Amino acid sequence: MATKREFLDFVLDQLSEVEGISHKQMMGEYILYQHEKIAAYLCDNRLLIKPVPAAEAMMPHAAREAPYEGAKDMLRCDDLEDKQFLKELFEAIYPQLPEPKPRKKHKV
C-alpha cells in the first residue's frame, strides 16, 4: 500500500516549524530530509524515524519496523498529532543523522 498524498501533506504540515524539511517520492513512498540528511520515511502511511540515540531516548517504547522488505528497522512514530513533540524530535535527531553519501559520478 503506497502512502497517500494526504498523509504526506499532514506530516509536512506538522513539521512546518522544523527548518530544512524536504521530501522526495520513491516508488509510492516518501523520504523526508532535514537539511539534505535522511531523517525519516513515510511508508504505508507510517512515519518511520531513523533510530539514532536521540530518537530512541524520546520514543523508548516505539515499535521497530522496516520501511520495506529487507530494510533496516526504524522507529515508528505514532504521536503525529503533537506538533511540538515532532519539532523537538526532529531538532534532537538532526545532529545525529548520518551525513549524506556523496553521489557517484557516472562515466560517459
PDB file of N, CA and C in Angstrom:
ATOM      1  N   MET A   1       0.851  -1.176   0.000  1.00  0.00           N
ATOM      2  CA  MET A   1       0.000   0.000   0.000  1.00  0.00           C
ATOM      3  C   MET A   1       0.898   1.241   0.000  1.00  0.00           C
ATOM      4  N   ALA A   2       0.722   2.093  -0.953  1.00  0.00           N
ATOM      5  CA  ALA A   2       1.514   3.320  -1.047  1.00  0.00           C
ATOM      6  C   ALA A   2       0.980   4.368  -0.061  1.00  0.00           C
ATOM      7  N   THR A   3       1.865   5.270   0.331  1.00  0.00           N
ATOM      8  CA  THR A   3       1.475   6.349   1.231  1.00  0.00           C
ATOM      9  C   THR A   3       0.612   7.348   0.464  1.00  0.00           C
ATOM     10  N   LYS A   4      -0.492   7.735   1.068  1.00  0.00           N
ATOM     11  CA  LYS A   4      -1.409   8.683   0.426  1.00  0.00           C
ATOM     12  C   LYS A   4      -0.841  10.098   0.502  1.00  0.00           C
ATOM     13  N   ARG A   5      -1.103  10.869  -0.524  1.00  0.00           N
ATOM     14  CA  ARG A   5      -0.641  12.261  -0.583  1.00  0.00           C
ATOM     15  C   ARG A   5      -1.178  13.057   0.608  1.00  0.00           C
ATOM     16  N   GLU A   6      -2.389  12.746   1.049  1.00  0.00           N
ATOM     17  CA  GLU A   6      -2.976  13.446   2.193  1.00  0.00           C
ATOM     18  C   GLU A   6      -2.157  13.214   3.469  1.00  0.00           C
ATOM     19  N   PHE A   7      -1.632  12.005   3.617  1.00  0.00           N
ATOM     20  CA  PHE A   7      -0.788  11.704   4.782  1.00  0.00           C
ATOM     21  C   PHE A   7       0.509  12.504   4.709  1.00  0.00           C
ATOM     22  N   LEU A   8       1.124  12.543   3.533  1.00  0.00           N
ATOM     23  CA  LEU A   8       2.327  13.355   3.352  1.00  0.00           C
ATOM     24  C   LEU A   8       2.040  14.810   3.698  1.00  0.00           C
ATOM     25  N   ASP A   9       0.951  15.357   3.168  1.00  0.00           N
ATOM     26  CA  ASP A   9       0.605  16.756   3.434  1.00  0.00           C
ATOM     27  C   ASP A   9       0.403  17.007   4.926  1.00  0.00           C
ATOM     28  N   PHE A  10      -0.248  16.068   5.618  1.00  0.00           N
ATOM     29  CA  PHE A  10      -0.475  16.199   7.052  1.00  0.00           C
ATOM     30  C   PHE A  10       0.856  16.226   7.811  1.00  0.00           C
ATOM     31  N   VAL A  11       1.744  15.284   7.499  1.00  0.00           N
ATOM     32  CA  VAL A  11       3.028  15.213   8.191  1.00  0.00           C
ATOM     33  C   VAL A  11       3.849  16.472   7.907  1.00  0.00           C
ATOM     34  N   LEU A  12       3.859  16.919   6.657  1.00  0.00           N
ATOM     35  CA  LEU A  12       4.607  18.131   6.328  1.00  0.00           C
ATOM     36  C   LEU A  12       4.044  19.340   7.064  1.00  0.00           C
ATOM     37  N   ASP A  13       2.732  19.402   7.226  1.00  0.00           N
ATOM     38  CA  ASP A  13       2.126  20.496   7.986  1.00  0.00           C
ATOM     39  C   ASP A  13       2.554  20.420   9.453  1.00  0.00           C
ATOM     40  N   GLN A  14       2.587  19.211  10.004  1.00  0.00           N
ATOM     41  CA  GLN A  14       3.002  19.035  11.395  1.00  0.00           C
ATOM     42  C   GLN A  14       4.476  19.413  11.588  1.00  0.00           C
ATOM     43  N   LEU A  15       5.274  19.288  10.535  1.00  0.00           N
ATOM     44  CA  LEU A  15       6.703  19.607  10.608  1.00  0.00           C
ATOM     45  C   LEU A  15       7.021  21.002  10.061  1.00  0.00           C
ATOM     46  N   SER A  16       6.002  21.799   9.847  1.00  0.00           N
ATOM     47  CA  SER A  16       6.194  23.107   9.204  1.00  0.00           C
ATOM     48  C   SER A  16       7.083  24.057  10.001  1.00  0.00           C
ATOM     49  N   GLU A  17       7.229  23.844  11.299  1.00  0.00           N
ATOM     50  CA  GLU A  17       8.080  24.703  12.119  1.00  0.00           C
ATOM     51  C   GLU A  17       9.518  24.191  12.232  1.00  0.00           C
ATOM     52  N   VAL A  18       9.811  23.063  11.582  1.00  0.00           N
ATOM     53  CA  VAL A  18      11.159  22.499  11.598  1.00  0.00           C
ATOM     54  C   VAL A  18      11.892  22.999  10.353  1.00  0.00           C
ATOM     55  N   GLU A  19      13.056  23.578  10.552  1.00  0.00           N
ATOM     56  CA  GLU A  19      13.820  24.108   9.431  1.00  0.00           C
ATOM     57  C   GLU A  19      14.411  22.995   8.579  1.00  0.00           C
ATOM     58  N   GLY A  20      14.436  23.223   7.266  1.00  0.00           N
ATOM     59  CA  GLY A  20      15.156  22.346   6.352  1.00  0.00           C
ATOM     60  C   GLY A  20      14.466  21.060   5.972  1.00  0.00           C
ATOM     61  N   ILE A  21      13.157  20.952   6.187  1.00  0.00           N
ATOM     62  CA  ILE A  21      12.444  19.717   5.832  1.00  0.00           C
ATOM     63  C   ILE A  21      12.109  19.735   4.342  1.00  0.00           C
ATOM     64  N   SER A  22      12.442  18.648   3.676  1.00  0.00           N
ATOM     65  CA  SER A  22      12.061  18.459   2.278  1.00  0.00           C
ATOM     66  C   SER A  22      11.734  16.978   2.090  1.00  0.00           C
ATOM     67  N   HIS A  23      11.236  16.639   0.920  1.00  0.00           N
ATOM     68  CA  HIS A  23      10.884  15.239   0.677  1.00  0.00           C
ATOM     69  C   HIS A  23      11.099  14.880  -0.786  1.00  0.00           C
ATOM     70  N   LYS A  24      11.241  13.578  -1.013  1.00  0.00           N
ATOM     71  CA  LYS A  24      11.310  13.035  -2.369  1.00  0.00           C
ATOM     72  C   LYS A  24      10.421  11.805  -2.412  1.00  0.00           C
ATOM     73  N   GLN A  25       9.722  11.656  -3.520  1.00  0.00           N
ATOM     74  CA  GLN A  25       8.895  10.468  -3.688  1.00  0.00           C
ATOM     75  C   GLN A  25       9.762   9.348  -4.250  1.00  0.00           C
ATOM     76  N   MET A  26       9.538   8.156  -3.715  1.00  0.00           N
ATOM     77  CA  MET A  26      10.303   7.000  -4.148  1.00  0.00           C
ATOM     78  C   MET A  26       9.381   5.790  -4.177  1.00  0.00           C
ATOM     79  N   MET A  27       8.980   5.355  -5.336  1.00  0.00           N
ATOM     80  CA  MET A  27       8.152   4.165  -5.528  1.00  0.00           C
ATOM     81  C   MET A  27       6.870   4.196  -4.687  1.00  0.00           C
ATOM     82  N   GLY A  28       6.163   5.321  -4.696  1.00  0.00           N
ATOM     83  CA  GLY A  28       4.901   5.428  -3.980  1.00  0.00           C
ATOM     84  C   GLY A  28       5.044   5.776  -2.512  1.00  0.00           C
ATOM     85  N   GLU A  29       6.262   5.871  -2.041  1.00  0.00           N
ATOM     86  CA  GLU A  29       6.533   6.237  -0.656  1.00  0.00           C
ATOM     87  C   GLU A  29       7.354   7.526  -0.667  1.00  0.00           C
ATOM     88  N   TYR A  30       7.708   8.027   0.517  1.00  0.00           N
ATOM     89  CA  TYR A  30       8.424   9.294   0.587  1.00  0.00           C
ATOM     90  C   TYR A  30       9.594   9.201   1.557  1.00  0.00           C
ATOM     91  N   ILE A  31      10.664   9.894   1.204  1.00  0.00           N
ATOM     92  CA  ILE A  31      11.805  10.054   2.093  1.00  0.00           C
ATOM     93  C   ILE A  31      11.758  11.488   2.594  1.00  0.00           C
ATOM     94  N   LEU A  32      11.860  11.673   3.906  1.00  0.00           N
ATOM     95  CA  LEU A  32      11.906  13.007   4.487  1.00  0.00           C
ATOM     96  C   LEU A  32      13.360  13.357   4.789  1.00  0.00           C
ATOM     97  N   TYR A  33      13.763  14.517   4.335  1.00  0.00           N
ATOM     98  CA  TYR A  33      15.112  15.016   4.544  1.00  0.00           C
ATOM     99  C   TYR A  33      15.067  16.210   5.488  1.00  0.00           C
ATOM    100  N   GLN A  34      16.135  16.365   6.235  1.00  0.00           N
ATOM    101  CA  GLN A  34      16.322  17.541   7.071  1.00  0.00           C
ATOM    102  C   GLN A  34      17.694  18.092   6.701  1.00  0.00           C
ATOM    103  N   HIS A  35      17.698  19.230   6.038  1.00  0.00           N
ATOM    104  CA  HIS A  35      18.949  19.807   5.522  1.00  0.00           C
ATOM    105  C   HIS A  35      19.748  18.752   4.759  1.00  0.00           C
ATOM    106  N   GLU A  36      19.080  18.033   3.883  1.00  0.00           N
ATOM    107  CA  GLU A  36      19.667  17.039   2.980  1.00  0.00           C
ATOM    108  C   GLU A  36      20.117  15.744   3.646  1.00  0.00           C
ATOM    109  N   LYS A  37      19.881  15.594   4.948  1.00  0.00           N
ATOM    110  CA  LYS A  37      20.148  14.322   5.629  1.00  0.00           C
ATOM    111  C   LYS A  37      18.835  13.545   5.699  1.00  0.00           C
ATOM    112  N   ILE A  38      18.878  12.243   5.465  1.00  0.00           N
ATOM    113  CA  ILE A  38      17.668  11.420   5.591  1.00  0.00           C
ATOM    114  C   ILE A  38      17.292  11.330   7.060  1.00  0.00           C
ATOM    115  N   ALA A  39      16.072  11.788   7.383  1.00  0.00           N
ATOM    116  CA  ALA A  39      15.598  11.792   8.765  1.00  0.00           C
ATOM    117  C   ALA A  39      14.526  10.734   9.007  1.00  0.00           C
ATOM    118  N   ALA A  40      13.698  10.492   7.980  1.00  0.00           N
ATOM    119  CA  ALA A  40      12.549   9.602   8.185  1.00  0.00           C
ATOM    120  C   ALA A  40      12.026   9.126   6.840  1.00  0.00           C
ATOM    121  N   TYR A  41      11.193   8.105   6.908  1.00  0.00           N
ATOM    122  CA  TYR A  41      10.470   7.614   5.739  1.00  0.00           C
ATOM    123  C   TYR A  41       8.983   7.671   6.037  1.00  0.00           C
ATOM    124  N   LEU A  42       8.216   7.922   5.002  1.00  0.00           N
ATOM    125  CA  LEU A  42       6.767   7.738   5.074  1.00  0.00           C
ATOM    126  C   LEU A  42       6.470   6.527   4.211  1.00  0.00           C
ATOM    127  N   CYS A  43       6.076   5.442   4.845  1.00  0.00           N
ATOM    128  CA  CYS A  43       5.799   4.185   4.149  1.00  0.00           C
ATOM    129  C   CYS A  43       4.491   3.610   4.662  1.00  0.00           C
ATOM    130  N   ASP A  44       3.605   3.280   3.755  1.00  0.00           N
ATOM    131  CA  ASP A  44       2.309   2.695   4.125  1.00  0.00           C
ATOM    132  C   ASP A  44       1.601   3.556   5.169  1.00  0.00           C
ATOM    133  N   ASN A  45       1.648   4.864   4.985  1.00  0.00           N
ATOM    134  CA  ASN A  45       1.016   5.827   5.895  1.00  0.00           C
ATOM    135  C   ASN A  45       1.539   5.694   7.325  1.00  0.00           C
ATOM    136  N   ARG A  46       2.836   5.410   7.453  1.00  0.00           N
ATOM    137  CA  ARG A  46       3.515   5.366   8.748  1.00  0.00           C
ATOM    138  C   ARG A  46       4.685   6.339   8.693  1.00  0.00           C
ATOM    139  N   LEU A  47       4.950   7.021   9.798  1.00  0.00           N
ATOM    140  CA  LEU A  47       6.138   7.856   9.919  1.00  0.00           C
ATOM    141  C   LEU A  47       7.196   7.044  10.635  1.00  0.00           C
ATOM    142  N   LEU A  48       8.278   6.744   9.937  1.00  0.00           N
ATOM    143  CA  LEU A  48       9.358   5.926  10.473  1.00  0.00           C
ATOM    144  C   LEU A  48      10.608   6.788  10.592  1.00  0.00           C
ATOM    145  N   ILE A  49      11.122   6.893  11.809  1.00  0.00           N
ATOM    146  CA  ILE A  49      12.229   7.773  12.144  1.00  0.00           C
ATOM    147  C   ILE A  49      13.536   6.983  12.202  1.00  0.00           C
ATOM    148  N   LYS A  50      14.631   7.596  11.719  1.00  0.00           N
ATOM    149  CA  LYS A  50      15.955   6.965  11.841  1.00  0.00           C
ATOM    150  C   LYS A  50      16.214   6.655  13.318  1.00  0.00           C
ATOM    151  N   PRO A  51      16.677   5.462  13.639  1.00  0.00           N
ATOM    152  CA  PRO A  51      16.861   5.070  15.045  1.00  0.00           C
ATOM    153  C   PRO A  51      18.176   5.560  15.653  1.00  0.00           C
ATOM    154  N   VAL A  52      18.365   6.858  15.660  1.00  0.00           N
ATOM    155  CA  VAL A  52      19.550   7.433  16.301  1.00  0.00           C
ATOM    156  C   VAL A  52      19.278   7.520  17.805  1.00  0.00           C
ATOM    157  N   PRO A  53      20.322   7.653  18.632  1.00  0.00           N
ATOM    158  CA  PRO A  53      20.120   7.658  20.086  1.00  0.00           C
ATOM    159  C   PRO A  53      19.084   8.673  20.593  1.00  0.00           C
ATOM    160  N   ALA A  54      19.040   9.854  20.017  1.00  0.00           N
ATOM    161  CA  ALA A  54      18.070  10.862  20.476  1.00  0.00           C
ATOM    162  C   ALA A  54      16.638  10.399  20.219  1.00  0.00           C
ATOM    163  N   ALA A  55      16.401   9.769  19.083  1.00  0.00           N
ATOM    164  CA  ALA A  55      15.054   9.268  18.778  1.00  0.00           C
ATOM    165  C   ALA A  55      14.682   8.135  19.727  1.00  0.00           C
ATOM    166  N   GLU A  56      15.636   7.252  19.995  1.00  0.00           N
ATOM    167  CA  GLU A  56      15.371   6.145  20.918  1.00  0.00           C
ATOM    168  C   GLU A  56      15.076   6.666  22.321  1.00  0.00           C
ATOM    169  N   ALA A  57      15.761   7.736  22.730  1.00  0.00           N
ATOM    170  CA  ALA A  57      15.532   8.317  24.061  1.00  0.00           C
ATOM    171  C   ALA A  57      14.165   8.989  24.150  1.00  0.00           C
ATOM    172  N   MET A  58      13.755   9.640  23.078  1.00  0.00           N
ATOM    173  CA  MET A  58      12.478  10.360  23.101  1.00  0.00           C
ATOM    174  C   MET A  58      11.281   9.449  22.850  1.00  0.00           C
ATOM    175  N   MET A  59      11.536   8.291  22.236  1.00  0.00           N
ATOM    176  CA  MET A  59      10.457   7.340  21.933  1.00  0.00           C
ATOM    177  C   MET A  59      10.870   5.948  22.404  1.00  0.00           C
ATOM    178  N   PRO A  60      11.053   5.760  23.715  1.00  0.00           N
ATOM    179  CA  PRO A  60      11.597   4.489  24.209  1.00  0.00           C
ATOM    180  C   PRO A  60      10.706   3.270  23.957  1.00  0.00           C
ATOM    181  N   HIS A  61       9.421   3.499  23.763  1.00  0.00           N
ATOM    182  CA  HIS A  61       8.510   2.370  23.563  1.00  0.00           C
ATOM    183  C   HIS A  61       8.043   2.241  22.114  1.00  0.00           C
ATOM    184  N   ALA A  62       8.690   2.962  21.210  1.00  0.00           N
ATOM    185  CA  ALA A  62       8.283   2.927  19.806  1.00  0.00           C
ATOM    186  C   ALA A  62       8.535   1.551  19.205  1.00  0.00           C
ATOM    187  N   ALA A  63       7.603   1.135  18.368  1.00  0.00           N
ATOM    188  CA  ALA A  63       7.772  -0.125  17.645  1.00  0.00           C
ATOM    189  C   ALA A  63       8.891   0.033  16.622  1.00  0.00           C
ATOM    190  N   ARG A  64       9.629  -1.025  16.421  1.00  0.00           N
ATOM    191  CA  ARG A  64      10.671  -1.048  15.385  1.00  0.00           C
ATOM    192  C   ARG A  64      10.093  -1.757  14.175  1.00  0.00           C
ATOM    193  N   GLU A  65      10.094  -1.045  13.050  1.00  0.00           N
ATOM    194  CA  GLU A  65       9.517  -1.603  11.834  1.00  0.00           C
ATOM    195  C   GLU A  65      10.394  -1.243  10.641  1.00  0.00           C
ATOM    196  N   ALA A  66      10.447  -2.148   9.688  1.00  0.00           N
ATOM    197  CA  ALA A  66      11.187  -1.884   8.453  1.00  0.00           C
ATOM    198  C   ALA A  66      10.293  -1.103   7.492  1.00  0.00           C
ATOM    199  N   PRO A  67      10.851  -0.109   6.821  1.00  0.00           N
ATOM    200  CA  PRO A  67      10.042   0.644   5.872  1.00  0.00           C
ATOM    201  C   PRO A  67       9.626  -0.199   4.660  1.00  0.00           C
ATOM    202  N   TYR A  68      10.446  -1.173   4.318  1.00  0.00           N
ATOM    203  CA  TYR A  68      10.139  -2.071   3.215  1.00  0.00           C
ATOM    204  C   TYR A  68      10.940  -3.352   3.452  1.00  0.00           C
ATOM    205  N   GLU A  69      10.589  -4.392   2.764  1.00  0.00           N
ATOM    206  CA  GLU A  69      11.229  -5.685   2.972  1.00  0.00           C
ATOM    207  C   GLU A  69      12.732  -5.598   2.712  1.00  0.00           C
ATOM    208  N   GLY A  70      13.500  -6.093   3.654  1.00  0.00           N
ATOM    209  CA  GLY A  70      14.946  -6.110   3.521  1.00  0.00           C
ATOM    210  C   GLY A  70      15.642  -4.872   4.080  1.00  0.00           C
ATOM    211  N   ALA A  71      14.876  -3.880   4.499  1.00  0.00           N
ATOM    212  CA  ALA A  71      15.464  -2.649   5.039  1.00  0.00           C
ATOM    213  C   ALA A  71      15.717  -2.796   6.533  1.00  0.00           C
ATOM    214  N   LYS A  72      16.582  -1.931   7.048  1.00  0.00           N
ATOM    215  CA  LYS A  72      16.843  -1.904   8.486  1.00  0.00           C
ATOM    216  C   LYS A  72      15.625  -1.318   9.207  1.00  0.00           C
ATOM    217  N   ASP A  73      15.404  -1.801  10.427  1.00  0.00           N
ATOM    218  CA  ASP A  73      14.285  -1.293  11.221  1.00  0.00           C
ATOM    219  C   ASP A  73      14.468   0.172  11.563  1.00  0.00           C
ATOM    220  N   MET A  74      13.333   0.852  11.633  1.00  0.00           N
ATOM    221  CA  MET A  74      13.286   2.246  12.050  1.00  0.00           C
ATOM    222  C   MET A  74      12.274   2.346  13.183  1.00  0.00           C
ATOM    223  N   LEU A  75      12.161   3.510  13.782  1.00  0.00           N
ATOM    224  CA  LEU A  75      11.238   3.706  14.897  1.00  0.00           C
ATOM    225  C   LEU A  75       9.925   4.298  14.379  1.00  0.00           C
ATOM    226  N   ARG A  76       8.840   3.611  14.663  1.00  0.00           N
ATOM    227  CA  ARG A  76       7.534   4.103  14.222  1.00  0.00           C
ATOM    228  C   ARG A  76       7.061   5.196  15.183  1.00  0.00           C
ATOM    229  N   CYS A  77       6.755   6.354  14.632  1.00  0.00           N
ATOM    230  CA  CYS A  77       6.258   7.471  15.428  1.00  0.00           C
ATOM    231  C   CYS A  77       4.750   7.556  15.241  1.00  0.00           C
ATOM    232  N   ASP A  78       4.029   7.297  16.321  1.00  0.00           N
ATOM    233  CA  ASP A  78       2.567   7.346  16.282  1.00  0.00           C
ATOM    234  C   ASP A  78       2.011   8.632  16.867  1.00  0.00           C
ATOM    235  N   ASP A  79       2.871   9.472  17.412  1.00  0.00           N
ATOM    236  CA  ASP A  79       2.437  10.698  18.080  1.00  0.00           C
ATOM    237  C   ASP A  79       2.398  11.852  17.074  1.00  0.00           C
ATOM    238  N   LEU A  80       1.623  11.678  16.014  1.00  0.00           N
ATOM    239  CA  LEU A  80       1.616  12.632  14.908  1.00  0.00           C
ATOM    240  C   LEU A  80       0.791  13.880  15.185  1.00  0.00           C
ATOM    241  N   GLU A  81      -0.083  13.830  16.164  1.00  0.00           N
ATOM    242  CA  GLU A  81      -0.932  14.983  16.469  1.00  0.00           C
ATOM    243  C   GLU A  81      -0.192  16.050  17.272  1.00  0.00           C
ATOM    244  N   ASP A  82       0.913  15.688  17.905  1.00  0.00           N
ATOM    245  CA  ASP A  82       1.646  16.595  18.788  1.00  0.00           C
ATOM    246  C   ASP A  82       2.744  17.308  17.991  1.00  0.00           C
ATOM    247  N   LYS A  83       2.404  18.459  17.444  1.00  0.00           N
ATOM    248  CA  LYS A  83       3.307  19.223  16.596  1.00  0.00           C
ATOM    249  C   LYS A  83       4.575  19.628  17.347  1.00  0.00           C
ATOM    250  N   GLN A  84       4.446  20.006  18.617  1.00  0.00           N
ATOM    251  CA  GLN A  84       5.605  20.418  19.414  1.00  0.00           C
ATOM    252  C   GLN A  84       6.550  19.245  19.638  1.00  0.00           C
ATOM    253  N   PHE A  85       6.001  18.073  19.930  1.00  0.00           N
ATOM    254  CA  PHE A  85       6.833  16.882  20.102  1.00  0.00           C
ATOM    255  C   PHE A  85       7.611  16.584  18.821  1.00  0.00           C
ATOM    256  N   LEU A  86       6.941  16.642  17.675  1.00  0.00           N
ATOM    257  CA  LEU A  86       7.614  16.355  16.412  1.00  0.00           C
ATOM    258  C   LEU A  86       8.731  17.364  16.143  1.00  0.00           C
ATOM    259  N   LYS A  87       8.475  18.616  16.440  1.00  0.00           N
ATOM    260  CA  LYS A  87       9.512  19.653  16.274  1.00  0.00           C
ATOM    261  C   LYS A  87      10.714  19.330  17.154  1.00  0.00           C
ATOM    262  N   GLU A  88      10.477  19.016  18.419  1.00  0.00           N
ATOM    263  CA  GLU A  88      11.561  18.686  19.339  1.00  0.00           C
ATOM    264  C   GLU A  88      12.296  17.416  18.911  1.00  0.00           C
ATOM    265  N   LEU A  89      11.551  16.436  18.422  1.00  0.00           N
ATOM    266  CA  LEU A  89      12.142  15.184  17.965  1.00  0.00           C
ATOM    267  C   LEU A  89      13.095  15.433  16.804  1.00  0.00           C
ATOM    268  N   PHE A  90      12.626  16.146  15.785  1.00  0.00           N
ATOM    269  CA  PHE A  90      13.466  16.374  14.609  1.00  0.00           C
ATOM    270  C   PHE A  90      14.663  17.266  14.944  1.00  0.00           C
ATOM    271  N   GLU A  91      14.478  18.231  15.834  1.00  0.00           N
ATOM    272  CA  GLU A  91      15.613  19.065  16.246  1.00  0.00           C
ATOM    273  C   GLU A  91      16.637  18.247  17.030  1.00  0.00           C
ATOM    274  N   ALA A  92      16.173  17.274  17.813  1.00  0.00           N
ATOM    275  CA  ALA A  92      17.080  16.438  18.607  1.00  0.00           C
ATOM    276  C   ALA A  92      17.839  15.435  17.740  1.00  0.00           C
ATOM    277  N   ILE A  93      17.189  14.885  16.737  1.00  0.00           N
ATOM    278  CA  ILE A  93      17.850  13.844  15.941  1.00  0.00           C
ATOM    279  C   ILE A  93      18.793  14.421  14.891  1.00  0.00           C
ATOM    280  N   TYR A  94      18.562  15.655  14.453  1.00  0.00           N
ATOM    281  CA  TYR A  94      19.343  16.195  13.341  1.00  0.00           C
ATOM    282  C   TYR A  94      20.861  16.068  13.524  1.00  0.00           C
ATOM    283  N   PRO A  95      21.421  16.467  14.664  1.00  0.00           N
ATOM    284  CA  PRO A  95      22.891  16.364  14.799  1.00  0.00           C
ATOM    285  C   PRO A  95      23.407  14.927  14.730  1.00  0.00           C
ATOM    286  N   GLN A  96      22.548  13.948  14.971  1.00  0.00           N
ATOM    287  CA  GLN A  96      22.968  12.551  14.993  1.00  0.00           C
ATOM    288  C   GLN A  96      22.709  11.828  13.671  1.00  0.00           C
ATOM    289  N   LEU A  97      22.052  12.486  12.741  1.00  0.00           N
ATOM    290  CA  LEU A  97      21.773  11.849  11.451  1.00  0.00           C
ATOM    291  C   LEU A  97      23.063  11.728  10.646  1.00  0.00           C
ATOM    292  N   PRO A  98      23.233  10.613   9.936  1.00  0.00           N
ATOM    293  CA  PRO A  98      24.441  10.456   9.126  1.00  0.00           C
ATOM    294  C   PRO A  98      24.486  11.495   8.001  1.00  0.00           C
ATOM    295  N   GLU A  99      25.680  11.903   7.667  1.00  0.00           N
ATOM    296  CA  GLU A  99      25.867  12.817   6.552  1.00  0.00           C
ATOM    297  C   GLU A  99      25.447  12.110   5.258  1.00  0.00           C
ATOM    298  N   PRO A 100      24.942  12.872   4.290  1.00  0.00           N
ATOM    299  CA  PRO A 100      24.563  12.240   3.017  1.00  0.00           C
ATOM    300  C   PRO A 100      25.783  11.629   2.329  1.00  0.00           C
ATOM    301  N   LYS A 101      25.575  10.524   1.689  1.00  0.00           N
ATOM    302  CA  LYS A 101      26.668   9.884   0.957  1.00  0.00           C
ATOM    303  C   LYS A 101      26.925  10.676  -0.318  1.00  0.00           C
ATOM    304  N   PRO A 102      28.207  10.811  -0.693  1.00  0.00           N
ATOM    305  CA  PRO A 102      28.490  11.539  -1.926  1.00  0.00           C
ATOM    306  C   PRO A 102      27.901  10.808  -3.128  1.00  0.00           C
ATOM    307  N   ARG A 103      27.391  11.595  -4.046  1.00  0.00           N
ATOM    308  CA  ARG A 103      26.806  10.993  -5.251  1.00  0.00           C
ATOM    309  C   ARG A 103      27.909  10.439  -6.143  1.00  0.00           C
ATOM    310  N   LYS A 104      27.612   9.298  -6.743  1.00  0.00           N
ATOM    311  CA  LYS A 104      28.566   8.697  -7.666  1.00  0.00           C
ATOM    312  C   LYS A 104      28.480   9.438  -8.997  1.00  0.00           C
ATOM    313  N   LYS A 105      29.643   9.688  -9.550  1.00  0.00           N
ATOM    314  CA  LYS A 105      29.674  10.334 -10.861  1.00  0.00           C
ATOM    315  C   LYS A 105      29.586   9.253 -11.928  1.00  0.00           C
ATOM    316  N   HIS A 106      28.701   9.459 -12.879  1.00  0.00           N
ATOM    317  CA  HIS A 106      28.536   8.495 -13.972  1.00  0.00           C
ATOM    318  C   HIS A 106      29.551   8.791 -15.059  1.00  0.00           C
ATOM    319  N   LYS A 107      30.226   7.761 -15.488  1.00  0.00           N
ATOM    320  CA  LYS A 107      31.196   7.921 -16.589  1.00  0.00           C
ATOM    321  C   LYS A 107      30.448   7.944 -17.900  1.00  0.00           C
ATOM    322  N   VAL A 108      30.892   8.806 -18.767  1.00  0.00           N
ATOM    323  CA  VAL A 108      30.242   8.925 -20.084  1.00  0.00           C
ATOM    324  C   VAL A 108      31.111   8.308 -21.131  1.00  0.00           C
TER     325      VAL A 108
END
